Protein backbone atom coordinates (compact mmCIF):
# COMPACT_ATOMS: atom_id res chain seq x y z
CA MET A 1 44.62 -21.66 61.56
CA LYS A 2 46.29 -24.43 63.50
CA SER A 3 45.62 -24.89 67.18
CA SER A 4 48.16 -26.52 69.45
CA ILE A 5 45.38 -28.26 71.39
CA LYS A 6 44.91 -31.87 70.43
CA LYS A 7 41.53 -33.43 69.72
CA ARG A 8 41.84 -35.68 72.79
CA THR A 9 42.35 -32.59 75.00
CA PHE A 10 39.18 -30.98 73.62
CA LYS A 11 37.35 -34.27 74.28
CA ALA A 12 38.64 -34.33 77.88
CA ILE A 13 37.49 -30.74 78.39
CA TYR A 14 34.06 -31.62 76.98
CA ARG A 15 33.83 -34.59 79.39
CA LEU A 16 34.86 -32.39 82.33
CA LEU A 17 32.18 -29.82 81.48
CA ASP A 18 29.55 -32.54 80.87
CA LYS A 19 29.59 -33.24 84.60
CA VAL A 20 28.63 -29.72 85.72
CA SER A 21 25.94 -27.12 85.20
CA PRO A 22 25.81 -23.39 86.03
CA VAL A 23 22.81 -23.97 88.32
CA SER A 24 21.04 -27.03 89.69
CA GLY A 25 18.76 -28.43 87.03
CA ASP A 26 18.29 -27.04 83.55
CA CYS A 27 19.12 -23.33 83.46
CA GLY A 28 17.02 -23.05 80.27
CA ARG A 29 13.89 -23.39 82.40
CA PHE A 30 14.50 -19.89 83.80
CA CYS A 31 14.26 -18.24 80.41
CA GLY A 32 12.90 -20.73 77.89
CA SER A 33 16.44 -21.45 76.65
CA ILE A 34 16.74 -17.92 75.27
CA CYS A 35 20.47 -18.23 74.55
CA CYS A 36 19.69 -21.23 72.33
CA THR A 37 16.45 -20.11 70.77
CA TYR A 38 16.74 -16.34 70.34
CA ASP A 39 15.92 -15.55 66.73
CA ALA A 40 16.81 -12.09 65.52
CA GLU A 41 15.68 -12.66 61.93
CA ASN A 42 12.85 -10.19 62.31
CA THR A 43 14.68 -7.68 64.46
CA GLU A 44 17.22 -4.99 63.78
CA ASP A 45 19.89 -7.07 65.55
CA GLY A 46 20.42 -9.24 62.50
CA PRO A 47 20.52 -12.99 61.91
CA SER A 48 19.88 -15.86 64.31
CA MET A 49 22.19 -16.45 67.22
CA GLY A 50 25.22 -18.60 66.81
CA LEU A 51 28.78 -18.85 67.95
CA TYR A 52 32.31 -19.29 66.72
CA LEU A 53 34.24 -22.40 67.58
CA LEU A 54 37.58 -21.92 69.27
CA PRO A 55 40.61 -22.71 67.10
CA GLY A 56 40.94 -26.48 66.85
CA GLU A 57 37.50 -27.21 68.29
CA GLU A 58 36.25 -28.04 64.81
CA LYS A 59 38.27 -31.30 65.12
CA LEU A 60 35.41 -32.68 67.22
CA PHE A 61 32.81 -32.28 64.49
CA THR A 62 32.33 -33.76 61.03
CA GLY A 63 30.74 -30.63 59.59
CA ARG A 64 27.75 -32.74 58.58
CA GLU A 65 25.82 -32.71 61.87
CA ASP A 66 22.15 -32.31 60.95
CA TRP A 67 21.40 -30.21 64.04
CA LEU A 68 24.04 -27.59 63.20
CA GLY A 69 24.28 -24.97 60.49
CA TRP A 70 27.90 -24.29 59.53
CA SER A 71 29.59 -21.33 57.92
CA ARG A 72 33.26 -20.92 57.28
CA GLU A 73 34.52 -17.39 57.50
CA TYR A 74 37.94 -15.79 57.34
CA ALA A 75 39.31 -14.41 60.59
CA GLU A 76 40.78 -11.42 58.75
CA ASP A 77 37.25 -10.30 57.81
CA TYR A 78 36.09 -10.03 61.42
CA GLU A 79 37.27 -8.65 64.72
CA PHE A 80 39.60 -11.45 65.79
CA PRO A 81 43.15 -11.18 67.12
CA GLU A 82 45.86 -10.28 64.61
CA SER A 83 47.43 -13.71 65.18
CA TRP A 84 44.33 -15.36 63.67
CA HIS A 85 44.58 -16.13 59.96
CA GLY A 86 42.43 -18.32 57.78
CA LYS A 87 39.18 -20.09 58.49
CA VAL A 88 37.01 -19.71 61.55
CA TYR A 89 33.86 -21.76 61.98
CA PHE A 90 30.50 -20.23 62.87
CA LEU A 91 27.71 -22.51 64.09
CA GLU A 92 23.97 -22.09 64.48
CA CYS A 93 21.86 -24.68 66.24
CA LYS A 94 19.05 -25.66 63.90
CA THR A 95 17.09 -27.70 66.45
CA ALA A 96 17.38 -25.49 69.56
CA PRO A 97 16.81 -26.10 72.34
CA ARG A 98 17.05 -29.78 71.42
CA CYS A 99 20.67 -30.33 70.52
CA ASP A 100 23.14 -33.13 70.90
CA ARG A 101 24.06 -32.05 74.44
CA LYS A 102 27.18 -34.22 74.46
CA MET A 103 28.46 -32.22 71.47
CA ARG A 104 27.59 -28.69 72.58
CA PRO A 105 30.45 -26.32 71.69
CA LEU A 106 32.61 -24.93 74.48
CA GLN A 107 30.99 -21.50 74.36
CA CYS A 108 27.63 -23.16 75.19
CA ARG A 109 29.11 -25.28 77.96
CA VAL A 110 30.71 -22.40 79.84
CA PHE A 111 27.96 -19.76 79.45
CA PRO A 112 27.21 -17.50 81.33
CA ALA A 113 30.80 -17.49 82.57
CA ALA A 114 33.56 -15.98 80.46
CA PRO A 115 37.33 -15.92 80.88
CA HIS A 116 38.96 -12.60 81.70
CA ILE A 117 42.67 -11.83 82.03
CA ASP A 118 43.47 -8.78 84.12
CA GLU A 119 46.38 -6.35 83.65
CA ASN A 120 48.57 -8.62 85.82
CA GLY A 121 47.93 -11.66 83.65
CA GLN A 122 45.64 -13.32 86.22
CA LEU A 123 42.77 -15.42 84.85
CA PHE A 124 39.33 -14.88 86.35
CA LEU A 125 35.88 -16.09 85.42
CA ILE A 126 33.34 -13.32 85.07
CA TYR A 127 29.72 -13.10 83.98
CA GLN A 128 29.59 -12.88 80.20
CA SER A 129 29.67 -9.17 79.45
CA GLY A 130 29.04 -7.02 76.44
CA HIS A 131 25.92 -6.70 74.37
CA LEU A 132 23.55 -9.64 74.28
CA PRO A 133 20.32 -9.18 72.30
CA TYR A 134 18.40 -11.04 75.01
CA LYS A 135 18.36 -10.93 78.81
CA CYS A 136 19.93 -13.93 80.51
CA PRO A 137 18.33 -14.19 83.96
CA LEU A 138 21.49 -15.74 85.42
CA ILE A 139 23.48 -12.65 84.46
CA HIS A 140 20.71 -10.08 84.92
CA ASN A 141 19.85 -11.36 88.41
CA ALA A 142 23.49 -12.13 89.33
CA VAL A 143 22.52 -15.69 90.22
CA SER A 144 25.21 -17.54 92.16
CA LEU A 145 26.62 -20.23 89.92
CA ASN A 146 27.48 -23.71 91.17
CA GLU A 147 30.97 -23.95 92.60
CA ASP A 148 31.69 -27.21 90.74
CA PHE A 149 30.72 -25.52 87.46
CA LEU A 150 33.03 -22.58 88.17
CA LYS A 151 35.96 -24.84 89.15
CA ALA A 152 35.54 -27.04 86.07
CA THR A 153 35.16 -24.04 83.78
CA TYR A 154 38.23 -22.38 85.27
CA THR A 155 40.22 -25.60 84.83
CA ALA A 156 39.05 -25.84 81.21
CA TRP A 157 40.15 -22.27 80.46
CA LYS A 158 43.54 -22.84 82.15
CA HIS A 159 44.13 -25.66 79.65
CA LEU A 160 42.70 -23.74 76.69
CA LEU A 161 44.83 -20.67 77.36
CA ARG A 162 47.97 -22.73 76.72
CA ASP A 163 47.13 -22.33 73.05
CA PRO A 164 48.52 -18.97 71.84
CA LEU A 165 45.54 -18.34 69.53
CA ILE A 166 42.99 -18.86 72.30
CA PHE A 167 45.10 -16.82 74.71
CA ASP A 168 45.19 -13.97 72.19
CA LEU A 169 41.38 -14.06 71.88
CA VAL A 170 40.78 -13.99 75.63
CA GLU A 171 43.39 -11.26 76.08
CA MET A 172 41.78 -9.18 73.31
CA ASP A 173 38.27 -9.61 74.73
CA SER A 174 39.53 -8.74 78.21
CA SER A 175 41.25 -5.63 76.91
CA PHE A 176 38.06 -4.52 75.10
CA ARG A 177 36.08 -4.91 78.33
CA GLU A 178 38.60 -2.80 80.23
CA GLU A 179 38.71 -0.11 77.51
CA ASP A 180 34.91 0.02 77.23
CA GLY A 181 34.56 0.37 81.00
CA GLU A 182 32.25 -2.65 81.18
CA GLU A 183 31.25 -3.82 84.61
CA ILE A 184 33.33 -6.88 85.40
CA VAL A 185 31.80 -9.17 88.01
CA ILE A 186 34.36 -11.73 89.13
CA LEU A 187 32.86 -15.15 89.76
CA TYR A 188 35.99 -17.23 90.34
CA PRO A 189 38.52 -17.53 91.93
């Protein structure tokens, strides 16, 4: 799967998001970094938490980072957009919550915000919705997120959505939310 986003653009987005945080200080102090450390090995929810890289984001990694566990899957085997073909990369942090913060994947950097495209094609940031096997206090308590974080995250997604593969993913996720009748809390704009 070939992304149209260049490595230097991903690096610029990482730098932009390095400068902001959802809340003042370390949000992991509210919950013991549950989104990084939740381990479902001994629960019915399945394996440890992890995330998929966005198409092209793998360009920023060597695949040999000692703090990450890598798996390569095929998009066709999972619920990804029909436009996605070939390898997708799934990561698990092996040293959570102590990671190489400068190299956190985009999904970590923007959490708990998520992109949502409405029926008119307008991009919004919302609280991450859907099933999470843990309770994020920022979402659960509807904590107001820092304005600079929301602006930077929105700017990042505006750039990312220029890639047709990423656009298709956000559009698919947005459609699922609408169809499932999930509560959509708009954070920005």
